[in-house]
Amino acid sequence: MKKYEYKFVEIPRRAGMKVKTGETFEECKKVIIAEAEQGWRLKQVVTPFDEKTGVFVSYCYQIIFEREV
């Protein structure tokens, strides 16, 4: 039976007038490429919401990687 390990990387969502469009996406791409070079496979990208504020706005991207042990 195959076994896997998982790695979770959180990328804060950048917001504001001074942030260039796509900057957060570019940061995610850099992380995905760097982790792939280390043998990790992209499993999923999740955009959680901040339940404390009651506002349904994503505050980050959580990137989930897996690799066979």
C-alpha atoms as a PDB file:
ATOM      1  CA  MET A   1       0.000   0.000   0.000  1.00  0.00           C
ATOM      2  CA  LYS A   2       1.358   3.398  -0.969  1.00  0.00           C
ATOM      3  CA  LYS A   3       1.866   6.038   1.701  1.00  0.00           C
ATOM      4  CA  TYR A   4       2.007   9.781   1.206  1.00  0.00           C
ATOM      5  CA  GLU A   5       3.138  12.798   3.137  1.00  0.00           C
ATOM      6  CA  TYR A   6       1.613  16.239   2.787  1.00  0.00           C
ATOM      7  CA  LYS A   7       2.954  19.759   2.997  1.00  0.00           C
ATOM      8  CA  PHE A   8       0.858  22.895   3.477  1.00  0.00           C
ATOM      9  CA  VAL A   9       2.100  26.320   2.388  1.00  0.00           C
ATOM     10  CA  GLU A  10       0.135  29.486   3.116  1.00  0.00           C
ATOM     11  CA  ILE A  11       0.468  32.479   0.798  1.00  0.00           C
ATOM     12  CA  PRO A  12      -1.080  35.686   2.195  1.00  0.00           C
ATOM     13  CA  ARG A  13      -3.463  37.384  -0.204  1.00  0.00           C
ATOM     14  CA  ARG A  14      -2.140  40.786  -1.101  1.00  0.00           C
ATOM     15  CA  ALA A  15      -4.636  43.579  -1.367  1.00  0.00           C
ATOM     16  CA  GLY A  16      -4.596  47.314  -1.759  1.00  0.00           C
ATOM     17  CA  MET A  17      -4.153  50.030  -4.312  1.00  0.00           C
ATOM     18  CA  LYS A  18      -0.360  49.652  -4.616  1.00  0.00           C
ATOM     19  CA  VAL A  19      -0.331  45.922  -5.365  1.00  0.00           C
ATOM     20  CA  LYS A  20       0.083  44.983  -9.015  1.00  0.00           C
ATOM     21  CA  THR A  21      -2.607  42.761 -10.475  1.00  0.00           C
ATOM     22  CA  GLY A  22      -1.530  39.129 -10.384  1.00  0.00           C
ATOM     23  CA  GLU A  23       1.229  39.591  -7.784  1.00  0.00           C
ATOM     24  CA  THR A  24      -0.269  36.989  -5.431  1.00  0.00           C
ATOM     25  CA  PHE A  25      -0.736  34.567  -8.334  1.00  0.00           C
ATOM     26  CA  GLU A  26       2.905  34.990  -9.309  1.00  0.00           C
ATOM     27  CA  GLU A  27       3.949  34.231  -5.716  1.00  0.00           C
ATOM     28  CA  CYS A  28       1.851  31.032  -5.815  1.00  0.00           C
ATOM     29  CA  LYS A  29       3.476  29.988  -9.091  1.00  0.00           C
ATOM     30  CA  LYS A  30       6.965  30.486  -7.639  1.00  0.00           C
ATOM     31  CA  VAL A  31       6.120  28.315  -4.626  1.00  0.00           C
ATOM     32  CA  ILE A  32       4.585  25.564  -6.781  1.00  0.00           C
ATOM     33  CA  ILE A  33       7.611  25.448  -9.103  1.00  0.00           C
ATOM     34  CA  ALA A  34      10.098  25.458  -6.201  1.00  0.00           C
ATOM     35  CA  GLU A  35       8.287  22.648  -4.384  1.00  0.00           C
ATOM     36  CA  ALA A  36       7.986  20.579  -7.584  1.00  0.00           C
ATOM     37  CA  GLU A  37      11.767  20.749  -7.918  1.00  0.00           C
ATOM     38  CA  GLN A  38      11.970  19.186  -4.437  1.00  0.00           C
ATOM     39  CA  GLY A  39       9.737  16.270  -5.460  1.00  0.00           C
ATOM     40  CA  TRP A  40       6.391  17.605  -4.205  1.00  0.00           C
ATOM     41  CA  ARG A  41       3.279  17.295  -6.359  1.00  0.00           C
ATOM     42  CA  LEU A  42       0.579  19.966  -6.299  1.00  0.00           C
ATOM     43  CA  LYS A  43      -2.552  18.436  -4.779  1.00  0.00           C
ATOM     44  CA  GLN A  44      -4.904  21.377  -4.254  1.00  0.00           C
ATOM     45  CA  VAL A  45      -5.156  25.127  -3.717  1.00  0.00           C
ATOM     46  CA  VAL A  46      -7.664  26.246  -1.069  1.00  0.00           C
ATOM     47  CA  THR A  47      -8.920  29.773  -0.393  1.00  0.00           C
ATOM     48  CA  PRO A  48     -10.185  29.815   3.208  1.00  0.00           C
ATOM     49  CA  PHE A  49     -12.384  32.591   4.554  1.00  0.00           C
ATOM     50  CA  ASP A  50     -11.941  34.516   7.792  1.00  0.00           C
ATOM     51  CA  GLU A  51     -14.861  33.385   9.939  1.00  0.00           C
ATOM     52  CA  LYS A  52     -13.974  35.773  12.790  1.00  0.00           C
ATOM     53  CA  THR A  53     -14.840  38.911  10.828  1.00  0.00           C
ATOM     54  CA  GLY A  54     -18.007  37.502   9.305  1.00  0.00           C
ATOM     55  CA  VAL A  55     -16.873  38.818   5.926  1.00  0.00           C
ATOM     56  CA  PHE A  56     -16.519  36.163   3.274  1.00  0.00           C
ATOM     57  CA  VAL A  57     -13.262  37.390   1.786  1.00  0.00           C
ATOM     58  CA  SER A  58     -10.327  35.084   1.245  1.00  0.00           C
ATOM     59  CA  TYR A  59      -7.305  36.205   3.269  1.00  0.00           C
ATOM     60  CA  CYS A  60      -4.797  33.711   1.824  1.00  0.00           C
ATOM     61  CA  TYR A  61      -4.197  30.769  -0.459  1.00  0.00           C
ATOM     62  CA  GLN A  62      -3.272  27.458   1.111  1.00  0.00           C
ATOM     63  CA  ILE A  63      -1.325  25.288  -1.292  1.00  0.00           C
ATOM     64  CA  ILE A  64      -1.312  21.573  -0.534  1.00  0.00           C
ATOM     65  CA  PHE A  65       1.438  19.321  -1.856  1.00  0.00           C
ATOM     66  CA  GLU A  66       1.907  15.564  -1.627  1.00  0.00           C
ATOM     67  CA  ARG A  67       4.649  13.069  -2.302  1.00  0.00           C
ATOM     68  CA  GLU A  68       5.012   9.346  -1.902  1.00  0.00           C
ATOM     69  CA  VAL A  69       6.949   8.222   1.167  1.00  0.00           C
END
